[in-house]
Amino acid sequence: MGDALKWNETRNSDTNETTLGFNYYGRSIIEKTGATKFSKLMKAWHLMFSLAPEEVILTGWYTWPEDGDSRTTGAYEKLTFSREEILDTLRRLIEFSTMVESGEYLLIYHGL
């Protein structure tokens, strides 16, 4: 999912530069020009996750325990979500991006 978010046009509010993807630690702004693609992406994900089981398990980052040997004990995180929680979040993002498409609003992402 993270890779697909790199396809979206955003503006870095710190540098005022237009780029693809989201500023990992800072703010990114989706303006009217990026909202259409973002909306389509959220709609596609909504359709995909509507077919998922009630409990959705996604693969996260590769991590290592703090007290383990990082050469041998790493594993991918397993992240568990409710399908309805995911769909509700995607619905809200679709609504927000539709508002941004009107040209009257901005969607601001505040980073991690």
N, C-alpha and C. Protein backbone atom coordinates (compact mmCIF):
# COMPACT_ATOMS: atom_id res chain seq x y z
N MET A 1 0.82 -1.19 0.00
CA MET A 1 0.00 0.00 0.00
C MET A 1 0.86 1.25 0.00
N GLY A 2 1.96 1.21 0.74
CA GLY A 2 2.83 2.37 0.81
C GLY A 2 3.40 2.74 -0.55
N ASP A 3 3.71 1.74 -1.35
CA ASP A 3 4.26 2.03 -2.68
C ASP A 3 3.25 2.78 -3.54
N ALA A 4 1.99 2.40 -3.47
CA ALA A 4 0.96 3.05 -4.28
C ALA A 4 0.76 4.51 -3.87
N LEU A 5 0.98 4.83 -2.61
CA LEU A 5 0.84 6.23 -2.17
C LEU A 5 1.93 7.12 -2.77
N LYS A 6 3.01 6.52 -3.24
CA LYS A 6 4.08 7.29 -3.88
C LYS A 6 3.68 7.77 -5.28
N TRP A 7 2.54 7.32 -5.79
CA TRP A 7 2.08 7.73 -7.12
C TRP A 7 1.32 9.05 -7.07
N ASN A 8 0.98 9.49 -5.88
CA ASN A 8 0.10 10.65 -5.73
C ASN A 8 0.87 11.96 -5.64
N GLU A 9 0.37 12.97 -6.36
CA GLU A 9 1.00 14.29 -6.33
C GLU A 9 0.63 15.02 -5.04
N THR A 10 1.65 15.51 -4.34
CA THR A 10 1.46 16.27 -3.11
C THR A 10 2.39 17.48 -3.13
N ARG A 11 2.16 18.38 -2.20
CA ARG A 11 3.06 19.52 -2.02
C ARG A 11 3.63 19.44 -0.61
N ASN A 12 4.94 19.51 -0.52
CA ASN A 12 5.62 19.53 0.77
C ASN A 12 5.45 20.93 1.34
N SER A 13 4.78 21.07 2.46
CA SER A 13 4.49 22.39 3.01
C SER A 13 5.74 23.09 3.55
N ASP A 14 6.79 22.33 3.86
CA ASP A 14 8.02 22.94 4.37
C ASP A 14 8.86 23.55 3.25
N THR A 15 8.90 22.89 2.09
CA THR A 15 9.73 23.36 0.98
C THR A 15 8.90 24.01 -0.13
N ASN A 16 7.58 23.83 -0.07
CA ASN A 16 6.64 24.31 -1.08
C ASN A 16 6.89 23.66 -2.44
N GLU A 17 7.53 22.50 -2.47
CA GLU A 17 7.80 21.77 -3.71
C GLU A 17 6.71 20.73 -3.94
N THR A 18 6.34 20.58 -5.21
CA THR A 18 5.41 19.53 -5.59
C THR A 18 6.23 18.26 -5.83
N THR A 19 5.71 17.15 -5.33
CA THR A 19 6.43 15.88 -5.43
C THR A 19 5.42 14.75 -5.54
N LEU A 20 5.92 13.55 -5.70
CA LEU A 20 5.08 12.36 -5.65
C LEU A 20 5.29 11.69 -4.30
N GLY A 21 4.21 11.30 -3.67
CA GLY A 21 4.30 10.64 -2.38
C GLY A 21 4.13 11.61 -1.22
N PHE A 22 4.25 11.07 -0.03
CA PHE A 22 4.00 11.82 1.19
C PHE A 22 5.29 12.00 1.98
N ASN A 23 5.43 13.16 2.60
CA ASN A 23 6.56 13.47 3.46
C ASN A 23 6.45 12.57 4.69
N TYR A 24 7.42 11.72 4.90
CA TYR A 24 7.33 10.71 5.96
C TYR A 24 7.18 11.33 7.35
N TYR A 25 7.94 12.38 7.63
CA TYR A 25 7.92 12.97 8.97
C TYR A 25 7.24 14.33 9.02
N GLY A 26 7.11 15.01 7.90
CA GLY A 26 6.52 16.34 7.89
C GLY A 26 5.15 16.34 7.23
N ARG A 27 4.69 17.53 6.92
CA ARG A 27 3.37 17.67 6.31
C ARG A 27 3.46 17.56 4.80
N SER A 28 2.41 16.98 4.23
CA SER A 28 2.19 16.94 2.79
C SER A 28 0.77 17.41 2.55
N ILE A 29 0.59 18.13 1.45
CA ILE A 29 -0.72 18.68 1.14
C ILE A 29 -1.19 18.12 -0.19
N ILE A 30 -2.41 17.59 -0.20
CA ILE A 30 -3.04 17.19 -1.45
C ILE A 30 -3.94 18.34 -1.88
N GLU A 31 -3.65 18.84 -3.07
CA GLU A 31 -4.45 19.92 -3.64
C GLU A 31 -5.35 19.33 -4.72
N LYS A 32 -6.11 20.17 -5.37
CA LYS A 32 -7.07 19.73 -6.38
C LYS A 32 -6.41 18.82 -7.42
N THR A 33 -5.19 19.16 -7.87
CA THR A 33 -4.54 18.37 -8.92
C THR A 33 -4.22 16.95 -8.49
N GLY A 34 -3.95 16.72 -7.21
CA GLY A 34 -3.64 15.37 -6.73
C GLY A 34 -4.84 14.62 -6.18
N ALA A 35 -5.94 15.35 -5.97
CA ALA A 35 -7.10 14.74 -5.30
C ALA A 35 -7.79 13.69 -6.16
N THR A 36 -7.81 13.88 -7.47
CA THR A 36 -8.51 12.92 -8.33
C THR A 36 -7.85 11.55 -8.27
N LYS A 37 -6.52 11.52 -8.40
CA LYS A 37 -5.81 10.24 -8.34
C LYS A 37 -5.94 9.63 -6.94
N PHE A 38 -5.83 10.45 -5.91
CA PHE A 38 -5.96 9.96 -4.54
C PHE A 38 -7.34 9.35 -4.32
N SER A 39 -8.38 10.00 -4.81
CA SER A 39 -9.74 9.50 -4.69
C SER A 39 -9.90 8.15 -5.40
N LYS A 40 -9.35 8.05 -6.60
CA LYS A 40 -9.43 6.78 -7.34
C LYS A 40 -8.70 5.66 -6.61
N LEU A 41 -7.56 5.99 -6.03
CA LEU A 41 -6.80 4.99 -5.29
C LEU A 41 -7.58 4.52 -4.06
N MET A 42 -8.18 5.46 -3.32
CA MET A 42 -8.97 5.10 -2.14
C MET A 42 -10.19 4.26 -2.53
N LYS A 43 -10.83 4.60 -3.66
CA LYS A 43 -11.98 3.82 -4.13
C LYS A 43 -11.56 2.40 -4.52
N ALA A 44 -10.40 2.28 -5.15
CA ALA A 44 -9.90 0.95 -5.53
C ALA A 44 -9.61 0.12 -4.29
N TRP A 45 -8.98 0.75 -3.29
CA TRP A 45 -8.72 0.03 -2.04
C TRP A 45 -10.01 -0.34 -1.34
N HIS A 46 -10.99 0.55 -1.38
CA HIS A 46 -12.28 0.26 -0.75
C HIS A 46 -12.90 -0.98 -1.40
N LEU A 47 -12.86 -1.03 -2.71
CA LEU A 47 -13.41 -2.20 -3.41
C LEU A 47 -12.64 -3.46 -3.02
N MET A 48 -11.32 -3.36 -2.99
CA MET A 48 -10.50 -4.52 -2.66
C MET A 48 -10.77 -5.00 -1.23
N PHE A 49 -10.78 -4.08 -0.26
CA PHE A 49 -10.98 -4.47 1.14
C PHE A 49 -12.42 -4.89 1.42
N SER A 50 -13.36 -4.51 0.59
CA SER A 50 -14.74 -4.97 0.78
C SER A 50 -14.84 -6.48 0.55
N LEU A 51 -13.85 -7.05 -0.11
CA LEU A 51 -13.82 -8.49 -0.38
C LEU A 51 -13.03 -9.26 0.68
N ALA A 52 -12.43 -8.54 1.62
CA ALA A 52 -11.57 -9.16 2.63
C ALA A 52 -12.40 -9.85 3.71
N PRO A 53 -11.77 -10.76 4.46
CA PRO A 53 -12.46 -11.35 5.62
C PRO A 53 -12.68 -10.28 6.69
N GLU A 54 -13.51 -10.58 7.68
CA GLU A 54 -13.81 -9.61 8.75
C GLU A 54 -12.55 -9.16 9.48
N GLU A 55 -11.62 -10.08 9.70
CA GLU A 55 -10.34 -9.74 10.32
C GLU A 55 -9.29 -9.72 9.23
N VAL A 56 -8.67 -8.57 9.01
CA VAL A 56 -7.68 -8.39 7.96
C VAL A 56 -6.29 -8.40 8.58
N ILE A 57 -5.44 -9.27 8.10
CA ILE A 57 -4.07 -9.34 8.60
C ILE A 57 -3.15 -8.90 7.46
N LEU A 58 -2.40 -7.82 7.72
CA LEU A 58 -1.48 -7.26 6.74
C LEU A 58 -0.05 -7.43 7.22
N THR A 59 0.87 -7.48 6.28
CA THR A 59 2.29 -7.58 6.60
C THR A 59 2.87 -6.19 6.74
N GLY A 60 3.52 -5.94 7.86
CA GLY A 60 4.13 -4.64 8.13
C GLY A 60 5.61 -4.64 7.84
N TRP A 61 6.33 -3.80 8.58
CA TRP A 61 7.77 -3.65 8.42
C TRP A 61 8.51 -4.87 8.94
N TYR A 62 9.72 -5.07 8.44
CA TYR A 62 10.61 -6.10 8.97
C TYR A 62 11.25 -5.51 10.22
N THR A 63 11.13 -6.19 11.34
CA THR A 63 11.63 -5.65 12.62
C THR A 63 12.49 -6.69 13.34
N TRP A 64 13.23 -6.19 14.32
CA TRP A 64 14.06 -7.03 15.17
C TRP A 64 13.75 -6.71 16.62
N PRO A 65 13.72 -7.72 17.49
CA PRO A 65 13.53 -7.43 18.91
C PRO A 65 14.73 -6.70 19.47
N GLU A 66 14.50 -5.83 20.44
CA GLU A 66 15.59 -5.04 21.01
C GLU A 66 16.64 -5.91 21.69
N ASP A 67 16.23 -7.03 22.25
CA ASP A 67 17.18 -7.86 22.98
C ASP A 67 17.67 -9.06 22.17
N GLY A 68 17.27 -9.15 20.89
CA GLY A 68 17.65 -10.31 20.08
C GLY A 68 18.83 -10.03 19.17
N ASP A 69 19.32 -11.08 18.55
CA ASP A 69 20.41 -10.99 17.58
C ASP A 69 19.81 -10.57 16.24
N SER A 70 20.15 -9.35 15.79
CA SER A 70 19.51 -8.81 14.59
C SER A 70 19.86 -9.59 13.33
N ARG A 71 20.84 -10.47 13.39
CA ARG A 71 21.19 -11.28 12.21
C ARG A 71 20.28 -12.49 12.06
N THR A 72 19.60 -12.90 13.14
CA THR A 72 18.86 -14.15 13.05
C THR A 72 17.42 -14.10 13.54
N THR A 73 17.00 -13.06 14.24
CA THR A 73 15.69 -13.12 14.88
C THR A 73 14.66 -12.13 14.34
N GLY A 74 14.94 -11.49 13.23
CA GLY A 74 13.98 -10.54 12.69
C GLY A 74 12.76 -11.24 12.09
N ALA A 75 11.68 -10.47 11.96
CA ALA A 75 10.46 -11.01 11.37
C ALA A 75 9.60 -9.84 10.89
N TYR A 76 8.71 -10.13 9.95
CA TYR A 76 7.77 -9.11 9.51
C TYR A 76 6.65 -8.98 10.53
N GLU A 77 6.26 -7.73 10.79
CA GLU A 77 5.11 -7.49 11.68
C GLU A 77 3.86 -8.05 11.02
N LYS A 78 2.96 -8.53 11.82
CA LYS A 78 1.62 -8.93 11.35
C LYS A 78 0.64 -7.97 12.00
N LEU A 79 -0.03 -7.18 11.18
CA LEU A 79 -0.93 -6.14 11.66
C LEU A 79 -2.37 -6.58 11.43
N THR A 80 -3.18 -6.55 12.47
CA THR A 80 -4.55 -7.03 12.39
C THR A 80 -5.52 -5.86 12.50
N PHE A 81 -6.49 -5.82 11.58
CA PHE A 81 -7.49 -4.76 11.53
C PHE A 81 -8.86 -5.35 11.30
N SER A 82 -9.86 -4.62 11.67
CA SER A 82 -11.24 -4.96 11.35
C SER A 82 -11.53 -4.47 9.93
N ARG A 83 -12.14 -5.31 9.11
CA ARG A 83 -12.51 -4.90 7.76
C ARG A 83 -13.37 -3.64 7.78
N GLU A 84 -14.34 -3.58 8.69
CA GLU A 84 -15.23 -2.42 8.74
C GLU A 84 -14.49 -1.15 9.13
N GLU A 85 -13.52 -1.27 10.02
CA GLU A 85 -12.71 -0.11 10.40
C GLU A 85 -11.94 0.42 9.19
N ILE A 86 -11.35 -0.48 8.42
CA ILE A 86 -10.63 -0.08 7.20
C ILE A 86 -11.58 0.58 6.22
N LEU A 87 -12.75 -0.04 5.99
CA LEU A 87 -13.71 0.51 5.03
C LEU A 87 -14.23 1.87 5.47
N ASP A 88 -14.48 2.05 6.76
CA ASP A 88 -14.93 3.36 7.27
C ASP A 88 -13.87 4.43 7.03
N THR A 89 -12.62 4.09 7.31
CA THR A 89 -11.53 5.05 7.09
C THR A 89 -11.41 5.40 5.61
N LEU A 90 -11.48 4.40 4.75
CA LEU A 90 -11.40 4.67 3.31
C LEU A 90 -12.57 5.51 2.83
N ARG A 91 -13.78 5.27 3.36
CA ARG A 91 -14.94 6.09 2.99
C ARG A 91 -14.71 7.55 3.34
N ARG A 92 -14.17 7.79 4.53
CA ARG A 92 -13.89 9.17 4.94
C ARG A 92 -12.85 9.81 4.04
N LEU A 93 -11.81 9.07 3.68
CA LEU A 93 -10.79 9.61 2.78
C LEU A 93 -11.35 9.90 1.40
N ILE A 94 -12.28 9.07 0.93
CA ILE A 94 -12.95 9.32 -0.35
C ILE A 94 -13.77 10.59 -0.26
N GLU A 95 -14.50 10.77 0.83
CA GLU A 95 -15.30 11.99 1.02
C GLU A 95 -14.40 13.22 1.06
N PHE A 96 -13.30 13.14 1.81
CA PHE A 96 -12.37 14.28 1.90
C PHE A 96 -11.77 14.60 0.54
N SER A 97 -11.35 13.57 -0.19
CA SER A 97 -10.71 13.84 -1.48
C SER A 97 -11.72 14.39 -2.49
N THR A 98 -12.97 14.00 -2.38
CA THR A 98 -14.01 14.57 -3.24
C THR A 98 -14.18 16.06 -2.95
N MET A 99 -14.11 16.42 -1.68
CA MET A 99 -14.19 17.84 -1.31
C MET A 99 -13.00 18.61 -1.87
N VAL A 100 -11.82 18.01 -1.82
CA VAL A 100 -10.61 18.66 -2.32
C VAL A 100 -10.70 18.84 -3.84
N GLU A 101 -11.29 17.86 -4.53
CA GLU A 101 -11.45 17.96 -5.98
C GLU A 101 -12.25 19.19 -6.39
N SER A 102 -13.11 19.68 -5.51
CA SER A 102 -13.91 20.87 -5.81
C SER A 102 -13.04 22.12 -5.90
N GLY A 103 -11.83 22.07 -5.36
CA GLY A 103 -10.94 23.22 -5.39
C GLY A 103 -11.09 24.15 -4.20
N GLU A 104 -12.02 23.85 -3.30
CA GLU A 104 -12.26 24.72 -2.15
C GLU A 104 -11.54 24.26 -0.88
N TYR A 105 -10.97 23.07 -0.91
CA TYR A 105 -10.35 22.51 0.30
C TYR A 105 -8.99 21.93 -0.04
N LEU A 106 -8.21 21.67 1.01
CA LEU A 106 -6.94 20.96 0.92
C LEU A 106 -7.01 19.78 1.88
N LEU A 107 -6.28 18.74 1.57
CA LEU A 107 -6.15 17.59 2.48
C LEU A 107 -4.71 17.62 2.98
N ILE A 108 -4.53 17.73 4.29
CA ILE A 108 -3.21 17.87 4.88
C ILE A 108 -2.86 16.60 5.66
N TYR A 109 -1.73 16.01 5.30
CA TYR A 109 -1.20 14.85 5.97
C TYR A 109 -0.07 15.33 6.88
N HIS A 110 -0.09 14.93 8.15
CA HIS A 110 0.87 15.44 9.12
C HIS A 110 2.04 14.52 9.40
N GLY A 111 2.25 13.51 8.60
CA GLY A 111 3.39 12.61 8.78
C GLY A 111 3.16 11.65 9.93
N LEU A 112 4.20 10.85 10.17
CA LEU A 112 4.10 9.86 11.25
C LEU A 112 4.33 10.54 12.53
